[in-house]
């Protein structure tokens, strides 16, 4: 049986962070009451510390992990975003944009993709930053003005990946779901999430991580930055594909020692 739609109050939907937390709590209750067997999530929104009794059973092949710029059609894009107003709800995107364009004007924006585009077109801002995968899944790829590569903006851990969650005890469901697990994606996102977990960042911290398979190796890129983008550390590490389980932890340790710990302490206040 497929259970699809739940309606929430406007108060809850006013905050993206509340939405995430509320939906996770709601799915947990449904799991415990055995009203559902599988929950489907955007992996980047899932906490790195699993809910007791639940587990990520599978991930689908990763879609485009990049961040996308969507500009108001009235704005002419000339590869320079300084002095125009860009909106995002992500500290990671905000910090990396400010690193690239120190004179850019930033505004916070909430709501789903359609709501954000509508706000932009009504003059709230000149452009917005959204995950490319979200736009593509909604058939809005034609709205993409520019895609940031990983040299410009490192994505959130797990970005572009759909995860399937189930009960640990339910071996039958796990076996079924695991049959659609994409192995390479699974390895890469686990590395990214272990990087984030070691940094104790959480999904709202200005931390980026992107792992990809290059022939028989895995390359991981990471960034830790201040909210204003003035302080940041980037680094990368390479490991054999068959021995990459500690890659995220080791890179996180190195970046903490190189000054990442100080930056994160300032971010946490």
Protein backbone atom coordinates (compact mmCIF):
# COMPACT_ATOMS: atom_id res chain seq x y z
CA UNK A 1 0.00 0.00 0.00
CA UNK A 2 1.29 3.46 -0.89
CA UNK A 3 0.59 6.26 1.58
CA UNK A 4 1.34 9.50 -0.15
CA UNK A 5 -0.14 12.73 1.13
CA UNK A 6 -0.11 14.45 4.51
CA UNK A 7 -1.23 18.05 5.06
CA UNK A 8 0.52 20.36 7.56
CA UNK A 9 -0.32 23.73 9.03
CA UNK A 10 1.01 26.99 7.60
CA UNK A 11 2.84 27.60 10.88
CA UNK A 12 4.88 24.44 10.44
CA UNK A 13 5.47 25.08 6.75
CA UNK A 14 6.81 28.57 7.44
CA UNK A 15 10.23 27.18 8.29
CA UNK A 16 12.26 24.82 6.14
CA UNK A 17 14.09 23.48 9.19
CA UNK A 18 10.81 22.78 10.94
CA UNK A 19 9.55 21.00 7.84
CA UNK A 20 12.55 18.67 7.84
CA UNK A 21 12.32 17.94 11.55
CA UNK A 22 8.56 17.52 11.52
CA UNK A 23 8.56 15.16 8.55
CA UNK A 24 11.32 13.04 10.04
CA UNK A 25 9.42 12.76 13.32
CA UNK A 26 6.23 11.98 11.41
CA UNK A 27 7.90 9.21 9.39
CA UNK A 28 9.45 7.79 12.58
CA UNK A 29 6.02 7.55 14.22
CA UNK A 30 4.60 5.89 11.12
CA UNK A 31 7.46 3.38 11.13
CA UNK A 32 6.99 2.56 14.82
CA UNK A 33 3.24 2.07 14.33
CA UNK A 34 4.02 0.01 11.21
CA UNK A 35 1.85 2.24 9.06
CA UNK A 36 4.69 2.40 6.54
CA UNK A 37 7.53 0.08 5.56
CA UNK A 38 9.65 2.44 3.47
CA UNK A 39 10.23 6.21 3.55
CA UNK A 40 11.76 8.08 0.63
CA UNK A 41 14.00 11.04 1.40
CA UNK A 42 16.38 13.49 -0.17
CA UNK A 43 19.56 12.13 1.41
CA UNK A 44 21.12 15.54 2.05
CA UNK A 45 18.26 16.32 4.44
CA UNK A 46 18.72 13.19 6.56
CA UNK A 47 20.74 13.49 9.80
CA UNK A 48 24.06 11.64 9.76
CA UNK A 49 23.13 9.99 13.06
CA UNK A 50 20.44 7.41 12.25
CA UNK A 51 17.20 7.19 14.18
CA UNK A 52 17.39 4.10 16.43
CA UNK A 53 15.67 1.17 14.75
CA UNK A 54 15.78 2.72 11.27
CA UNK A 55 18.40 2.57 8.55
CA UNK A 56 19.12 3.72 5.02
CA UNK A 57 18.45 0.53 3.08
CA UNK A 58 19.34 1.79 -0.38
CA UNK A 59 20.16 4.84 -2.46
CA UNK A 60 19.27 5.40 -6.09
CA UNK A 61 21.84 6.37 -8.69
CA UNK A 62 22.83 9.95 -8.04
CA UNK A 63 21.34 12.72 -10.14
CA UNK A 64 23.26 15.91 -10.90
CA UNK A 65 24.83 16.94 -7.55
CA UNK A 66 25.61 20.51 -8.57
CA UNK A 67 24.04 23.72 -7.33
CA UNK A 68 22.13 25.71 -9.93
CA UNK A 69 21.67 29.45 -10.35
CA UNK A 70 18.24 30.57 -11.51
CA UNK A 71 18.11 34.22 -12.49
CA UNK A 72 15.09 36.40 -13.14
CA UNK A 73 14.76 36.57 -16.96
CA UNK A 74 15.05 40.36 -16.65
CA UNK A 75 18.61 40.01 -15.33
CA UNK A 76 21.40 39.57 -17.86
CA UNK A 77 24.02 37.05 -16.71
CA UNK A 78 27.62 38.02 -17.41
CA UNK A 79 29.41 35.59 -15.06
CA UNK A 80 29.58 38.25 -12.34
CA UNK A 81 27.05 38.16 -9.51
CA UNK A 82 28.56 41.03 -7.52
CA UNK A 83 26.07 43.75 -6.56
CA UNK A 84 22.96 41.72 -7.40
CA UNK A 85 20.66 40.04 -4.87
CA UNK A 86 20.67 36.25 -4.61
CA UNK A 87 18.48 34.25 -2.24
CA UNK A 88 19.07 30.89 -0.58
CA UNK A 89 18.12 29.14 2.65
CA UNK A 90 21.47 27.31 2.81
CA UNK A 91 24.42 28.51 4.88
CA UNK A 92 26.70 26.38 2.71
CA UNK A 93 25.55 28.04 -0.50
CA UNK A 94 25.62 31.47 1.08
CA UNK A 95 29.18 31.11 2.35
CA UNK A 96 30.54 29.74 -0.92
CA UNK A 97 28.79 32.43 -2.97
CA UNK A 98 30.28 35.12 -0.75
CA UNK A 99 33.68 33.50 -1.21
CA UNK A 100 33.28 33.77 -5.00
CA UNK A 101 31.55 37.15 -5.07
CA UNK A 102 32.34 39.27 -1.97
CA UNK A 103 30.06 42.11 -3.11
CA UNK A 104 27.02 39.94 -3.70
CA UNK A 105 23.85 40.76 -1.75
CA UNK A 106 22.29 37.80 0.06
CA UNK A 107 18.70 37.29 1.25
CA UNK A 108 17.12 34.32 2.97
CA UNK A 109 14.25 32.62 1.15
CA UNK A 110 11.84 29.88 2.23
CA UNK A 111 9.31 27.67 0.51
CA UNK A 112 9.29 24.99 -2.16
CA UNK A 113 10.90 25.44 -5.57
CA UNK A 114 7.81 26.94 -7.23
CA UNK A 115 7.30 29.36 -4.34
CA UNK A 116 10.92 30.53 -4.52
CA UNK A 117 10.77 31.08 -8.26
CA UNK A 118 7.51 32.99 -7.85
CA UNK A 119 9.02 35.22 -5.13
CA UNK A 120 12.01 35.92 -7.36
CA UNK A 121 9.84 36.86 -10.34
CA UNK A 122 7.80 39.21 -8.13
CA UNK A 123 10.96 41.14 -7.24
CA UNK A 124 12.04 39.67 -3.90
CA UNK A 125 15.49 38.98 -5.37
CA UNK A 126 17.35 38.80 -8.67
CA UNK A 127 18.10 35.10 -8.47
CA UNK A 128 18.03 31.96 -6.37
CA UNK A 129 20.33 28.99 -5.81
CA UNK A 130 18.68 25.55 -5.84
CA UNK A 131 19.99 22.04 -6.33
CA UNK A 132 20.12 21.10 -10.00
CA UNK A 133 18.59 17.71 -9.19
CA UNK A 134 15.47 19.31 -7.71
CA UNK A 135 14.93 21.46 -10.79
CA UNK A 136 15.50 18.54 -13.16
CA UNK A 137 13.09 16.26 -11.27
CA UNK A 138 10.42 18.96 -11.51
CA UNK A 139 11.01 19.42 -15.24
CA UNK A 140 12.36 22.93 -14.67
CA UNK A 141 15.84 22.42 -16.13
CA UNK A 142 15.16 25.17 -18.68
CA UNK A 143 15.14 27.66 -15.80
CA UNK A 144 18.79 26.94 -14.98
CA UNK A 145 20.99 29.93 -15.81
CA UNK A 146 24.27 28.47 -14.62
CA UNK A 147 25.62 25.31 -12.97
CA UNK A 148 28.42 25.67 -10.44
CA UNK A 149 31.10 23.00 -10.82
CA UNK A 150 32.86 21.52 -7.80
CA UNK A 151 35.79 23.92 -8.21
CA UNK A 152 33.40 26.82 -7.55
CA UNK A 153 30.86 25.36 -5.13
CA UNK A 154 31.11 22.00 -3.38
CA UNK A 155 27.72 20.40 -2.89
CA UNK A 156 26.11 19.24 0.35
CA UNK A 157 26.89 15.66 1.42
CA UNK A 158 24.42 13.38 -0.34
CA UNK A 159 23.06 16.12 -2.61
CA UNK A 160 21.26 14.80 -5.69
CA UNK A 161 20.63 11.41 -4.09
CA UNK A 162 17.33 9.75 -3.18
CA UNK A 163 17.51 7.47 -0.13
CA UNK A 164 15.14 4.72 0.95
CA UNK A 165 14.74 4.22 4.69
CA UNK A 166 13.30 1.14 6.42
CA UNK A 167 13.22 -0.63 9.77
CA UNK A 168 16.43 -2.44 10.73
CA UNK A 169 14.45 -5.46 11.90
CA UNK A 170 12.56 -5.85 8.62
CA UNK A 171 14.96 -8.07 6.67
CA UNK A 172 12.39 -8.88 3.97
CA UNK A 173 11.86 -5.22 3.06
CA UNK A 174 15.59 -4.57 3.26
CA UNK A 175 16.29 -7.39 0.80
CA UNK A 176 13.74 -6.03 -1.67
CA UNK A 177 14.93 -2.44 -1.37
CA UNK A 178 18.60 -3.36 -1.48
CA UNK A 179 18.09 -4.86 -4.92
CA UNK A 180 17.83 -1.33 -6.36
CA UNK A 181 20.76 0.08 -4.39
CA UNK A 182 23.34 1.83 -6.59
CA UNK A 183 26.68 0.64 -5.26
CA UNK A 184 28.95 3.45 -6.49
CA UNK A 185 26.54 6.13 -5.30
CA UNK A 186 26.21 4.38 -1.95
CA UNK A 187 29.97 4.33 -1.42
CA UNK A 188 30.37 7.99 -2.40
CA UNK A 189 27.57 9.37 -0.24
CA UNK A 190 28.66 7.30 2.76
CA UNK A 191 32.11 8.88 2.45
CA UNK A 192 30.57 12.36 2.27
CA UNK A 193 28.33 11.72 5.27
CA UNK A 194 31.18 10.28 7.34
CA UNK A 195 33.11 13.49 6.56
CA UNK A 196 30.18 15.59 7.81
CA UNK A 197 29.66 13.41 10.89
CA UNK A 198 33.32 13.69 11.91
CA UNK A 199 33.06 17.48 11.67
CA UNK A 200 29.87 17.38 13.79
CA UNK A 201 28.38 19.81 11.34
CA UNK A 202 24.80 18.78 10.72
CA UNK A 203 22.88 19.49 7.53
CA UNK A 204 22.71 23.28 8.13
CA UNK A 205 26.44 23.91 8.63
CA UNK A 206 28.53 25.64 5.91
CA UNK A 207 30.22 22.36 5.01
CA UNK A 208 30.45 20.80 1.56
CA UNK A 209 31.63 17.37 0.49
CA UNK A 210 31.62 15.65 -2.88
CA UNK A 211 33.01 12.20 -3.64
CA UNK A 212 33.20 10.62 -7.07
CA UNK A 213 34.62 7.43 -8.53
CA UNK A 214 37.56 8.03 -10.88
CA UNK A 215 38.52 4.76 -12.56
CA UNK A 216 39.48 2.46 -9.65
CA UNK A 217 39.75 5.26 -7.07
CA UNK A 218 37.48 7.59 -5.11
CA UNK A 219 38.21 11.33 -5.00
CA UNK A 220 36.74 13.37 -2.14
CA UNK A 221 36.62 17.17 -2.07
CA UNK A 222 35.68 19.03 1.09
CA UNK A 223 35.15 22.59 2.28
CA UNK A 224 34.64 24.19 5.70
CA UNK A 225 33.78 27.88 5.63
CA UNK A 226 32.55 30.76 7.73
CA UNK A 227 29.05 32.06 7.02
CA UNK A 228 30.44 35.25 5.46
CA UNK A 229 32.82 33.30 3.22
CA UNK A 230 35.89 35.18 4.43
CA UNK A 231 37.43 32.15 6.13
CA UNK A 232 37.48 28.78 4.46
CA UNK A 233 39.52 25.62 4.07
CA UNK A 234 39.32 23.32 1.08
CA UNK A 235 41.14 20.06 0.57
CA UNK A 236 40.81 16.76 -1.22
CA UNK A 237 41.89 13.16 -0.78
CA UNK A 238 42.17 10.11 -3.01
CA UNK A 239 41.77 6.47 -2.06
CA UNK A 240 41.49 3.07 -3.70
CA UNK A 241 37.84 2.28 -4.49
CA UNK A 242 38.03 -0.99 -2.57
CA UNK A 243 39.55 0.66 0.52
CA UNK A 244 37.74 3.99 0.76
CA UNK A 245 35.62 3.51 3.89
CA UNK A 246 37.80 5.81 6.03
CA UNK A 247 38.40 8.48 3.38
CA UNK A 248 35.83 10.93 4.74
CA UNK A 249 36.96 10.60 8.35
CA UNK A 250 40.64 11.03 7.48
CA UNK A 251 40.04 14.14 5.36
CA UNK A 252 37.85 15.64 8.09
CA UNK A 253 40.58 15.08 10.69
CA UNK A 254 43.17 16.78 8.49
CA UNK A 255 40.95 19.78 7.77
CA UNK A 256 40.10 20.22 11.45
CA UNK A 257 43.81 20.35 12.27
CA UNK A 258 44.41 22.80 9.42
CA UNK A 259 42.05 25.36 10.95
CA UNK A 260 38.62 23.91 10.33
CA UNK A 261 38.01 23.45 14.04
CA UNK A 262 38.47 27.19 14.63
CA UNK A 263 36.10 28.09 11.79
CA UNK A 264 33.41 25.71 13.02
CA UNK A 265 33.75 27.02 16.58
CA UNK A 266 33.03 30.53 15.28
CA UNK A 267 30.06 29.28 13.26
CA UNK A 268 28.58 27.55 16.31
CA UNK A 269 29.03 30.76 18.29
